[in-house]
């Protein structure tokens, strides 16, 4: 019996209803269906005054989800998609992402097209696009105390009411650089249209094998976004007397103390998106972010008298 999964946002009534309907439909077609909520991929915050607790990235899979699963369907917005990939990427399960939220930048289809999408899944007439993810680790006194997978970006920034932050950053074998800013972003190509875009970073096509470093509000005209090969590991050492906050995919993270070290590498696990049609990145940029839209008014040629 083939096996499928459904991951849904349980705070949205429409996602809950559709999850039950999909479970019945797939079961009627002879599939074993496992349901889970996206909460399993929520990382939670650590506090500086209590021990840091974290779940290893390979142990976030929902119950009964395994590598034998042919596909899983995600019902929610971009946050649910990010959470779902943290849960299933180590298992290699491809996800069909269905938008029940607002922006839905990471989603493949909408509820009104779901019947056609299910037909494509059942006939297995779809493509799989793999996108790079990051493995983020926080080390304290030579001990790994926190780690997470992320699809968009990792951010280290100052706490409210603190002064500007200073970072020493090593990329691969290159000489360390010093950056004074409100924070720094390490982003994947997928994340280049998220926080790093708002911070002035470039948009990078998903297939380009690079990462980018983007300072947040840097106190220097020379500190600008840097794009580098995704084979280069990144080590960030804060040079501050006050704790900082690390956030992964805008979801959660941990406190970073002055002597801590954050290490970021491209993960061996990829986010596997089910594509029902050829992915057209520029069209998504145009539809979601307005990139490349034609001008409403263009200069016209005027005949001189």
C-alpha atoms as a PDB file:
ATOM      1  CA  UNK A   1       0.000   0.000   0.000  1.00  0.00           C
ATOM      2  CA  UNK A   2       1.547   3.383  -0.996  1.00  0.00           C
ATOM      3  CA  UNK A   3       2.017   5.919   1.773  1.00  0.00           C
ATOM      4  CA  UNK A   4       1.404   9.680   1.842  1.00  0.00           C
ATOM      5  CA  UNK A   5       1.435  12.398   4.476  1.00  0.00           C
ATOM      6  CA  UNK A   6      -0.474  15.588   5.199  1.00  0.00           C
ATOM      7  CA  UNK A   7       0.989  18.448   7.261  1.00  0.00           C
ATOM      8  CA  UNK A   8      -1.424  21.270   8.042  1.00  0.00           C
ATOM      9  CA  UNK A   9      -1.736  24.482  10.014  1.00  0.00           C
ATOM     10  CA  UNK A  10      -4.125  23.501  12.797  1.00  0.00           C
ATOM     11  CA  UNK A  11      -4.988  27.087  13.728  1.00  0.00           C
ATOM     12  CA  UNK A  12      -6.664  27.608  10.345  1.00  0.00           C
ATOM     13  CA  UNK A  13     -10.120  25.965  10.137  1.00  0.00           C
ATOM     14  CA  UNK A  14      -9.942  25.674   6.356  1.00  0.00           C
ATOM     15  CA  UNK A  15      -6.643  23.783   6.550  1.00  0.00           C
ATOM     16  CA  UNK A  16      -8.093  21.388   9.142  1.00  0.00           C
ATOM     17  CA  UNK A  17     -11.172  20.741   7.030  1.00  0.00           C
ATOM     18  CA  UNK A  18      -9.222  20.163   3.813  1.00  0.00           C
ATOM     19  CA  UNK A  19      -6.771  17.864   5.621  1.00  0.00           C
ATOM     20  CA  UNK A  20      -9.620  15.570   6.671  1.00  0.00           C
ATOM     21  CA  UNK A  21     -11.142  15.632   3.192  1.00  0.00           C
ATOM     22  CA  UNK A  22      -7.806  14.780   1.580  1.00  0.00           C
ATOM     23  CA  UNK A  23      -7.236  11.947   4.041  1.00  0.00           C
ATOM     24  CA  UNK A  24     -10.579  10.399   3.077  1.00  0.00           C
ATOM     25  CA  UNK A  25      -9.971  10.822  -0.646  1.00  0.00           C
ATOM     26  CA  UNK A  26      -6.472   9.312  -0.614  1.00  0.00           C
ATOM     27  CA  UNK A  27      -7.630   6.458   1.625  1.00  0.00           C
ATOM     28  CA  UNK A  28     -10.432   5.687  -0.844  1.00  0.00           C
ATOM     29  CA  UNK A  29      -7.770   5.413  -3.544  1.00  0.00           C
ATOM     30  CA  UNK A  30      -5.888   2.803  -1.532  1.00  0.00           C
ATOM     31  CA  UNK A  31      -3.269   4.999   0.134  1.00  0.00           C
ATOM     32  CA  UNK A  32      -2.103   4.891   3.737  1.00  0.00           C
ATOM     33  CA  UNK A  33      -2.307   8.490   4.976  1.00  0.00           C
ATOM     34  CA  UNK A  34      -0.536   9.993   8.000  1.00  0.00           C
ATOM     35  CA  UNK A  35      -1.620  13.379   9.388  1.00  0.00           C
ATOM     36  CA  UNK A  36       0.527  15.821  11.339  1.00  0.00           C
ATOM     37  CA  UNK A  37       0.470  19.493  12.219  1.00  0.00           C
ATOM     38  CA  UNK A  38       3.246  21.923  11.422  1.00  0.00           C
ATOM     39  CA  UNK A  39       3.902  22.526  15.112  1.00  0.00           C
ATOM     40  CA  UNK A  40       6.562  19.810  15.163  1.00  0.00           C
ATOM     41  CA  UNK A  41       8.845  22.055  13.140  1.00  0.00           C
ATOM     42  CA  UNK A  42       8.457  25.043  15.465  1.00  0.00           C
ATOM     43  CA  UNK A  43      11.826  25.476  17.110  1.00  0.00           C
ATOM     44  CA  UNK A  44      10.980  27.472  20.225  1.00  0.00           C
ATOM     45  CA  UNK A  45      13.184  29.991  21.991  1.00  0.00           C
ATOM     46  CA  UNK A  46      15.857  29.354  24.552  1.00  0.00           C
ATOM     47  CA  UNK A  47      16.496  31.730  27.433  1.00  0.00           C
ATOM     48  CA  UNK A  48      19.894  32.830  28.771  1.00  0.00           C
ATOM     49  CA  UNK A  49      18.882  32.018  32.343  1.00  0.00           C
ATOM     50  CA  UNK A  50      18.043  28.356  31.746  1.00  0.00           C
ATOM     51  CA  UNK A  51      19.693  25.425  29.967  1.00  0.00           C
ATOM     52  CA  UNK A  52      19.273  25.312  26.210  1.00  0.00           C
ATOM     53  CA  UNK A  53      17.171  22.377  25.058  1.00  0.00           C
ATOM     54  CA  UNK A  54      16.978  21.405  21.430  1.00  0.00           C
ATOM     55  CA  UNK A  55      15.890  18.477  19.313  1.00  0.00           C
ATOM     56  CA  UNK A  56      18.460  17.182  16.811  1.00  0.00           C
ATOM     57  CA  UNK A  57      17.482  18.048  13.251  1.00  0.00           C
ATOM     58  CA  UNK A  58      17.117  14.371  12.337  1.00  0.00           C
ATOM     59  CA  UNK A  59      14.499  13.774  15.044  1.00  0.00           C
ATOM     60  CA  UNK A  60      11.785  16.275  14.087  1.00  0.00           C
ATOM     61  CA  UNK A  61       9.852  13.960  11.772  1.00  0.00           C
ATOM     62  CA  UNK A  62       6.176  13.484  12.719  1.00  0.00           C
ATOM     63  CA  UNK A  63       5.073  10.048  13.948  1.00  0.00           C
ATOM     64  CA  UNK A  64       4.811   7.430  11.179  1.00  0.00           C
ATOM     65  CA  UNK A  65       6.521   9.675   8.620  1.00  0.00           C
ATOM     66  CA  UNK A  66       9.420   7.806   7.021  1.00  0.00           C
ATOM     67  CA  UNK A  67      11.540   7.601   3.880  1.00  0.00           C
ATOM     68  CA  UNK A  68       9.021   5.195   2.279  1.00  0.00           C
ATOM     69  CA  UNK A  69       6.495   8.011   1.992  1.00  0.00           C
ATOM     70  CA  UNK A  70       5.900   8.858  -1.681  1.00  0.00           C
ATOM     71  CA  UNK A  71       4.887  12.450  -1.008  1.00  0.00           C
ATOM     72  CA  UNK A  72       3.334  14.756   1.584  1.00  0.00           C
ATOM     73  CA  UNK A  73       0.892  17.638   1.155  1.00  0.00           C
ATOM     74  CA  UNK A  74       1.338  20.873   3.122  1.00  0.00           C
ATOM     75  CA  UNK A  75      -1.734  23.005   3.859  1.00  0.00           C
ATOM     76  CA  UNK A  76      -0.882  26.466   5.128  1.00  0.00           C
ATOM     77  CA  UNK A  77       1.163  29.546   4.367  1.00  0.00           C
ATOM     78  CA  UNK A  78       4.892  30.068   4.022  1.00  0.00           C
ATOM     79  CA  UNK A  79       5.460  29.545   7.757  1.00  0.00           C
ATOM     80  CA  UNK A  80       3.865  26.104   7.615  1.00  0.00           C
ATOM     81  CA  UNK A  81       5.954  25.241   4.553  1.00  0.00           C
ATOM     82  CA  UNK A  82       9.177  26.213   6.347  1.00  0.00           C
ATOM     83  CA  UNK A  83       8.154  24.206   9.398  1.00  0.00           C
ATOM     84  CA  UNK A  84       7.213  21.173   7.288  1.00  0.00           C
ATOM     85  CA  UNK A  85      10.564  21.066   5.536  1.00  0.00           C
ATOM     86  CA  UNK A  86      12.384  21.109   8.869  1.00  0.00           C
ATOM     87  CA  UNK A  87      10.376  18.004   9.754  1.00  0.00           C
ATOM     88  CA  UNK A  88      10.734  15.973   6.554  1.00  0.00           C
ATOM     89  CA  UNK A  89      13.877  17.136   4.709  1.00  0.00           C
ATOM     90  CA  UNK A  90      16.119  14.545   6.447  1.00  0.00           C
ATOM     91  CA  UNK A  91      13.742  11.844   5.171  1.00  0.00           C
ATOM     92  CA  UNK A  92      13.816  13.130   1.598  1.00  0.00           C
ATOM     93  CA  UNK A  93      10.013  13.358   1.355  1.00  0.00           C
ATOM     94  CA  UNK A  94       8.852  15.658  -1.479  1.00  0.00           C
ATOM     95  CA  UNK A  95       6.169  18.181  -0.540  1.00  0.00           C
ATOM     96  CA  UNK A  96       3.266  19.601  -2.492  1.00  0.00           C
ATOM     97  CA  UNK A  97       2.715  23.017  -0.925  1.00  0.00           C
ATOM     98  CA  UNK A  98      -0.871  24.316  -0.988  1.00  0.00           C
ATOM     99  CA  UNK A  99      -1.554  27.920  -0.044  1.00  0.00           C
ATOM    100  CA  UNK A 100      -4.216  28.578   2.582  1.00  0.00           C
ATOM    101  CA  UNK A 101      -2.501  31.758   3.779  1.00  0.00           C
ATOM    102  CA  UNK A 102      -1.742  35.155   2.254  1.00  0.00           C
ATOM    103  CA  UNK A 103       1.519  35.695   0.352  1.00  0.00           C
ATOM    104  CA  UNK A 104       2.242  32.023  -0.293  1.00  0.00           C
ATOM    105  CA  UNK A 105       5.589  32.745  -1.935  1.00  0.00           C
ATOM    106  CA  UNK A 106       6.757  29.173  -1.321  1.00  0.00           C
ATOM    107  CA  UNK A 107       3.503  27.454  -2.229  1.00  0.00           C
ATOM    108  CA  UNK A 108       2.903  25.633  -5.502  1.00  0.00           C
ATOM    109  CA  UNK A 109      -0.872  25.758  -5.831  1.00  0.00           C
ATOM    110  CA  UNK A 110      -4.127  27.026  -4.339  1.00  0.00           C
ATOM    111  CA  UNK A 111      -7.163  25.300  -2.860  1.00  0.00           C
ATOM    112  CA  UNK A 112      -9.288  25.935  -5.929  1.00  0.00           C
ATOM    113  CA  UNK A 113      -6.788  23.949  -8.040  1.00  0.00           C
ATOM    114  CA  UNK A 114      -6.410  21.149  -5.499  1.00  0.00           C
ATOM    115  CA  UNK A 115      -8.488  18.492  -7.360  1.00  0.00           C
ATOM    116  CA  UNK A 116      -6.210  18.739 -10.412  1.00  0.00           C
ATOM    117  CA  UNK A 117      -3.144  18.680  -8.157  1.00  0.00           C
ATOM    118  CA  UNK A 118      -4.316  15.492  -6.435  1.00  0.00           C
ATOM    119  CA  UNK A 119      -4.886  13.845  -9.822  1.00  0.00           C
ATOM    120  CA  UNK A 120      -1.283  14.686 -10.757  1.00  0.00           C
ATOM    121  CA  UNK A 121      -0.029  13.248  -7.462  1.00  0.00           C
ATOM    122  CA  UNK A 122      -1.968  10.011  -7.849  1.00  0.00           C
ATOM    123  CA  UNK A 123      -0.718   9.544 -11.411  1.00  0.00           C
ATOM    124  CA  UNK A 124       2.761  10.699 -10.295  1.00  0.00           C
ATOM    125  CA  UNK A 125       2.966  13.154 -13.188  1.00  0.00           C
ATOM    126  CA  UNK A 126       4.993  15.803 -11.440  1.00  0.00           C
ATOM    127  CA  UNK A 127       8.560  17.051 -11.195  1.00  0.00           C
ATOM    128  CA  UNK A 128      10.706  17.543  -8.097  1.00  0.00           C
ATOM    129  CA  UNK A 129      12.780  20.676  -7.575  1.00  0.00           C
ATOM    130  CA  UNK A 130      15.496  20.520  -4.926  1.00  0.00           C
ATOM    131  CA  UNK A 131      16.486  23.640  -3.040  1.00  0.00           C
ATOM    132  CA  UNK A 132      19.408  24.179  -0.707  1.00  0.00           C
ATOM    133  CA  UNK A 133      18.923  24.318   3.047  1.00  0.00           C
ATOM    134  CA  UNK A 134      21.266  25.471   5.805  1.00  0.00           C
ATOM    135  CA  UNK A 135      22.439  23.631   8.884  1.00  0.00           C
ATOM    136  CA  UNK A 136      22.810  26.151  11.723  1.00  0.00           C
ATOM    137  CA  UNK A 137      24.652  25.225  14.915  1.00  0.00           C
ATOM    138  CA  UNK A 138      25.357  27.176  18.063  1.00  0.00           C
ATOM    139  CA  UNK A 139      28.427  26.149  20.064  1.00  0.00           C
ATOM    140  CA  UNK A 140      29.239  27.112  23.646  1.00  0.00           C
ATOM    141  CA  UNK A 141      32.528  26.100  25.254  1.00  0.00           C
ATOM    142  CA  UNK A 142      33.182  23.481  22.541  1.00  0.00           C
ATOM    143  CA  UNK A 143      29.744  21.901  23.046  1.00  0.00           C
ATOM    144  CA  UNK A 144      26.903  21.863  20.517  1.00  0.00           C
ATOM    145  CA  UNK A 145      23.888  23.232  22.385  1.00  0.00           C
ATOM    146  CA  UNK A 146      21.460  24.151  19.597  1.00  0.00           C
ATOM    147  CA  UNK A 147      20.932  23.353  15.933  1.00  0.00           C
ATOM    148  CA  UNK A 148      18.315  23.753  13.238  1.00  0.00           C
ATOM    149  CA  UNK A 149      17.624  23.362   9.547  1.00  0.00           C
ATOM    150  CA  UNK A 150      16.517  26.415   7.629  1.00  0.00           C
ATOM    151  CA  UNK A 151      15.344  27.053   4.102  1.00  0.00           C
ATOM    152  CA  UNK A 152      15.367  30.862   4.038  1.00  0.00           C
ATOM    153  CA  UNK A 153      17.873  32.450   6.361  1.00  0.00           C
ATOM    154  CA  UNK A 154      19.642  32.596   9.684  1.00  0.00           C
ATOM    155  CA  UNK A 155      19.757  35.979  11.427  1.00  0.00           C
ATOM    156  CA  UNK A 156      21.774  37.182  14.410  1.00  0.00           C
ATOM    157  CA  UNK A 157      20.695  40.571  15.676  1.00  0.00           C
ATOM    158  CA  UNK A 158      20.856  42.772  18.730  1.00  0.00           C
ATOM    159  CA  UNK A 159      18.290  42.703  21.485  1.00  0.00           C
ATOM    160  CA  UNK A 160      16.054  45.742  21.931  1.00  0.00           C
ATOM    161  CA  UNK A 161      17.654  48.763  23.589  1.00  0.00           C
ATOM    162  CA  UNK A 162      21.208  47.483  23.103  1.00  0.00           C
ATOM    163  CA  UNK A 163      23.941  49.170  21.100  1.00  0.00           C
ATOM    164  CA  UNK A 164      25.340  48.268  17.720  1.00  0.00           C
ATOM    165  CA  UNK A 165      26.739  44.756  17.363  1.00  0.00           C
ATOM    166  CA  UNK A 166      30.195  43.717  16.247  1.00  0.00           C
ATOM    167  CA  UNK A 167      30.827  40.434  14.444  1.00  0.00           C
ATOM    168  CA  UNK A 168      33.918  38.559  13.361  1.00  0.00           C
ATOM    169  CA  UNK A 169      32.965  36.390  10.399  1.00  0.00           C
ATOM    170  CA  UNK A 170      35.029  33.694   8.702  1.00  0.00           C
ATOM    171  CA  UNK A 171      33.924  32.353   5.313  1.00  0.00           C
ATOM    172  CA  UNK A 172      35.771  29.208   4.270  1.00  0.00           C
ATOM    173  CA  UNK A 173      39.536  29.621   4.199  1.00  0.00           C
ATOM    174  CA  UNK A 174      39.353  33.378   3.654  1.00  0.00           C
ATOM    175  CA  UNK A 175      40.606  35.937   6.155  1.00  0.00           C
ATOM    176  CA  UNK A 176      38.069  36.951   8.825  1.00  0.00           C
ATOM    177  CA  UNK A 177      36.103  40.143   8.325  1.00  0.00           C
ATOM    178  CA  UNK A 178      34.770  42.521  10.970  1.00  0.00           C
ATOM    179  CA  UNK A 179      31.275  43.930  10.589  1.00  0.00           C
ATOM    180  CA  UNK A 180      29.581  46.540  12.767  1.00  0.00           C
ATOM    181  CA  UNK A 181      25.812  46.458  12.247  1.00  0.00           C
ATOM    182  CA  UNK A 182      22.467  45.821  13.919  1.00  0.00           C
ATOM    183  CA  UNK A 183      22.811  42.204  12.800  1.00  0.00           C
ATOM    184  CA  UNK A 184      23.809  39.864   9.988  1.00  0.00           C
ATOM    185  CA  UNK A 185      21.866  37.529   7.697  1.00  0.00           C
ATOM    186  CA  UNK A 186      23.121  34.332   6.090  1.00  0.00           C
ATOM    187  CA  UNK A 187      20.682  33.473   3.327  1.00  0.00           C
ATOM    188  CA  UNK A 188      20.060  30.739   0.790  1.00  0.00           C
ATOM    189  CA  UNK A 189      18.920  31.596  -2.756  1.00  0.00           C
ATOM    190  CA  UNK A 190      15.369  30.754  -1.642  1.00  0.00           C
ATOM    191  CA  UNK A 191      15.743  33.211   1.241  1.00  0.00           C
ATOM    192  CA  UNK A 192      17.064  35.934  -1.058  1.00  0.00           C
ATOM    193  CA  UNK A 193      13.447  37.053  -1.589  1.00  0.00           C
ATOM    194  CA  UNK A 194      12.747  37.144   2.154  1.00  0.00           C
ATOM    195  CA  UNK A 195      14.472  39.140   4.924  1.00  0.00           C
ATOM    196  CA  UNK A 196      17.716  39.648   2.990  1.00  0.00           C
ATOM    197  CA  UNK A 197      15.793  41.354   0.175  1.00  0.00           C
ATOM    198  CA  UNK A 198      14.360  43.854   2.669  1.00  0.00           C
ATOM    199  CA  UNK A 199      17.883  44.417   4.024  1.00  0.00           C
ATOM    200  CA  UNK A 200      19.215  45.327   0.570  1.00  0.00           C
ATOM    201  CA  UNK A 201      20.517  41.963  -0.625  1.00  0.00           C
ATOM    202  CA  UNK A 202      20.216  40.790  -4.240  1.00  0.00           C
ATOM    203  CA  UNK A 203      17.621  38.360  -5.554  1.00  0.00           C
ATOM    204  CA  UNK A 204      19.282  35.041  -6.453  1.00  0.00           C
ATOM    205  CA  UNK A 205      17.719  32.404  -8.678  1.00  0.00           C
ATOM    206  CA  UNK A 206      17.109  29.179  -6.693  1.00  0.00           C
ATOM    207  CA  UNK A 207      19.366  27.023  -8.873  1.00  0.00           C
ATOM    208  CA  UNK A 208      22.502  29.118  -8.299  1.00  0.00           C
ATOM    209  CA  UNK A 209      24.816  27.263  -5.824  1.00  0.00           C
ATOM    210  CA  UNK A 210      25.640  30.218  -3.574  1.00  0.00           C
ATOM    211  CA  UNK A 211      24.858  31.730  -0.200  1.00  0.00           C
ATOM    212  CA  UNK A 212      24.875  35.374   0.776  1.00  0.00           C
ATOM    213  CA  UNK A 213      25.903  37.446   3.768  1.00  0.00           C
ATOM    214  CA  UNK A 214      23.856  40.611   4.306  1.00  0.00           C
ATOM    215  CA  UNK A 215      24.632  43.099   7.108  1.00  0.00           C
ATOM    216  CA  UNK A 216      21.574  44.716   8.703  1.00  0.00           C
ATOM    217  CA  UNK A 217      21.932  48.513   8.921  1.00  0.00           C
ATOM    218  CA  UNK A 218      25.751  48.426   8.774  1.00  0.00           C
ATOM    219  CA  UNK A 219      27.714  51.349  10.180  1.00  0.00           C
ATOM    220  CA  UNK A 220      29.996  51.495   7.153  1.00  0.00           C
ATOM    221  CA  UNK A 221      29.665  52.297   3.468  1.00  0.00           C
ATOM    222  CA  UNK A 222      31.987  49.345   2.808  1.00  0.00           C
ATOM    223  CA  UNK A 223      29.793  46.696   4.476  1.00  0.00           C
ATOM    224  CA  UNK A 224      27.485  45.439   1.780  1.00  0.00           C
ATOM    225  CA  UNK A 225      25.949  42.126   0.751  1.00  0.00           C
ATOM    226  CA  UNK A 226      28.418  39.413  -0.218  1.00  0.00           C
ATOM    227  CA  UNK A 227      27.624  36.376  -2.382  1.00  0.00           C
ATOM    228  CA  UNK A 228      29.869  33.323  -2.041  1.00  0.00           C
ATOM    229  CA  UNK A 229      29.938  29.622  -2.945  1.00  0.00           C
ATOM    230  CA  UNK A 230      27.653  27.414  -0.866  1.00  0.00           C
ATOM    231  CA  UNK A 231      30.566  25.009  -0.319  1.00  0.00           C
ATOM    232  CA  UNK A 232      32.125  27.546   2.058  1.00  0.00           C
ATOM    233  CA  UNK A 233      31.322  27.112   5.772  1.00  0.00           C
ATOM    234  CA  UNK A 234      30.597  30.247   7.790  1.00  0.00           C
ATOM    235  CA  UNK A 235      31.684  30.876  11.390  1.00  0.00           C
ATOM    236  CA  UNK A 236      30.277  33.895  13.225  1.00  0.00           C
ATOM    237  CA  UNK A 237      31.798  35.064  16.505  1.00  0.00           C
ATOM    238  CA  UNK A 238      30.045  37.988  18.204  1.00  0.00           C
ATOM    239  CA  UNK A 239      32.384  40.565  19.704  1.00  0.00           C
ATOM    240  CA  UNK A 240      29.961  42.108  22.195  1.00  0.00           C
ATOM    241  CA  UNK A 241      29.501  42.420  25.936  1.00  0.00           C
ATOM    242  CA  UNK A 242      25.768  41.728  25.751  1.00  0.00           C
ATOM    243  CA  UNK A 243      23.784  38.723  24.459  1.00  0.00           C
ATOM    244  CA  UNK A 244      22.381  38.615  20.950  1.00  0.00           C
ATOM    245  CA  UNK A 245      19.403  36.775  19.484  1.00  0.00           C
ATOM    246  CA  UNK A 246      19.564  34.211  16.683  1.00  0.00           C
ATOM    247  CA  UNK A 247      16.448  33.548  14.614  1.00  0.00           C
ATOM    248  CA  UNK A 248      16.018  30.847  11.965  1.00  0.00           C
ATOM    249  CA  UNK A 249      13.486  31.320   9.151  1.00  0.00           C
ATOM    250  CA  UNK A 250      11.790  34.069  11.142  1.00  0.00           C
ATOM    251  CA  UNK A 251      10.456  31.375  13.439  1.00  0.00           C
ATOM    252  CA  UNK A 252      12.550  30.921  16.556  1.00  0.00           C
ATOM    253  CA  UNK A 253      16.069  30.571  17.785  1.00  0.00           C
ATOM    254  CA  UNK A 254      18.303  31.038  20.763  1.00  0.00           C
ATOM    255  CA  UNK A 255      20.344  33.565  22.703  1.00  0.00           C
ATOM    256  CA  UNK A 256      23.953  33.992  21.610  1.00  0.00           C
ATOM    257  CA  UNK A 257      26.323  34.931  24.426  1.00  0.00           C
ATOM    258  CA  UNK A 258      29.585  36.863  23.890  1.00  0.00           C
ATOM    259  CA  UNK A 259      31.814  33.758  23.815  1.00  0.00           C
ATOM    260  CA  UNK A 260      29.473  31.609  21.727  1.00  0.00           C
ATOM    261  CA  UNK A 261      30.130  30.645  18.127  1.00  0.00           C
ATOM    262  CA  UNK A 262      27.590  30.134  15.341  1.00  0.00           C
ATOM    263  CA  UNK A 263      28.475  27.800  12.488  1.00  0.00           C
ATOM    264  CA  UNK A 264      26.517  27.664   9.245  1.00  0.00           C
ATOM    265  CA  UNK A 265      26.977  25.217   6.363  1.00  0.00           C
ATOM    266  CA  UNK A 266      24.904  24.039   3.457  1.00  0.00           C
ATOM    267  CA  UNK A 267      22.929  21.084   4.755  1.00  0.00           C
ATOM    268  CA  UNK A 268      23.238  17.633   3.183  1.00  0.00           C
ATOM    269  CA  UNK A 269      19.420  17.637   3.200  1.00  0.00           C
ATOM    270  CA  UNK A 270      17.482  19.485   0.514  1.00  0.00           C
ATOM    271  CA  UNK A 271      13.970  20.867   0.403  1.00  0.00           C
ATOM    272  CA  UNK A 272      12.208  18.809  -2.282  1.00  0.00           C
ATOM    273  CA  UNK A 273       9.336  20.762  -3.841  1.00  0.00           C
ATOM    274  CA  UNK A 274       6.743  18.986  -5.973  1.00  0.00           C
ATOM    275  CA  UNK A 275       6.195  21.022  -9.138  1.00  0.00           C
ATOM    276  CA  UNK A 276       3.036  20.504 -11.151  1.00  0.00           C
ATOM    277  CA  UNK A 277       4.443  22.573 -13.997  1.00  0.00           C
ATOM    278  CA  UNK A 278       7.828  23.945 -14.988  1.00  0.00           C
ATOM    279  CA  UNK A 279       8.909  26.367 -12.279  1.00  0.00           C
ATOM    280  CA  UNK A 280       9.115  29.903 -13.667  1.00  0.00           C
ATOM    281  CA  UNK A 281      11.011  31.936 -11.073  1.00  0.00           C
ATOM    282  CA  UNK A 282      10.701  35.302 -12.826  1.00  0.00           C
ATOM    283  CA  UNK A 283       6.946  34.873 -13.114  1.00  0.00           C
ATOM    284  CA  UNK A 284       6.729  34.229  -9.358  1.00  0.00           C
ATOM    285  CA  UNK A 285       8.774  37.377  -8.721  1.00  0.00           C
ATOM    286  CA  UNK A 286       6.409  39.333 -10.914  1.00  0.00           C
ATOM    287  CA  UNK A 287       3.219  37.937  -9.391  1.00  0.00           C
ATOM    288  CA  UNK A 288       4.273  38.047  -5.735  1.00  0.00           C
ATOM    289  CA  UNK A 289       6.697  40.989  -5.566  1.00  0.00           C
ATOM    290  CA  UNK A 290       5.868  43.029  -8.655  1.00  0.00           C
ATOM    291  CA  UNK A 291       9.328  42.587 -10.218  1.00  0.00           C
ATOM    292  CA  UNK A 292       9.579  43.520 -13.891  1.00  0.00           C
ATOM    293  CA  UNK A 293       6.034  44.763 -14.281  1.00  0.00           C
ATOM    294  CA  UNK A 294       5.598  47.051 -17.284  1.00  0.00           C
ATOM    295  CA  UNK A 295       5.289  50.743 -16.566  1.00  0.00           C
ATOM    296  CA  UNK A 296       1.747  52.056 -16.568  1.00  0.00           C
ATOM    297  CA  UNK A 297       2.815  55.092 -18.561  1.00  0.00           C
ATOM    298  CA  UNK A 298       5.665  54.998 -21.048  1.00  0.00           C
ATOM    299  CA  UNK A 299       7.048  57.917 -23.036  1.00  0.00           C
ATOM    300  CA  UNK A 300       5.611  58.009 -26.506  1.00  0.00           C
ATOM    301  CA  UNK A 301       7.211  59.373 -29.621  1.00  0.00           C
ATOM    302  CA  UNK A 302       6.037  62.859 -30.505  1.00  0.00           C
ATOM    303  CA  UNK A 303       6.171  64.129 -34.036  1.00  0.00           C
ATOM    304  CA  UNK A 304       7.781  67.515 -34.241  1.00  0.00           C
ATOM    305  CA  UNK A 305       5.976  70.140 -36.293  1.00  0.00           C
END
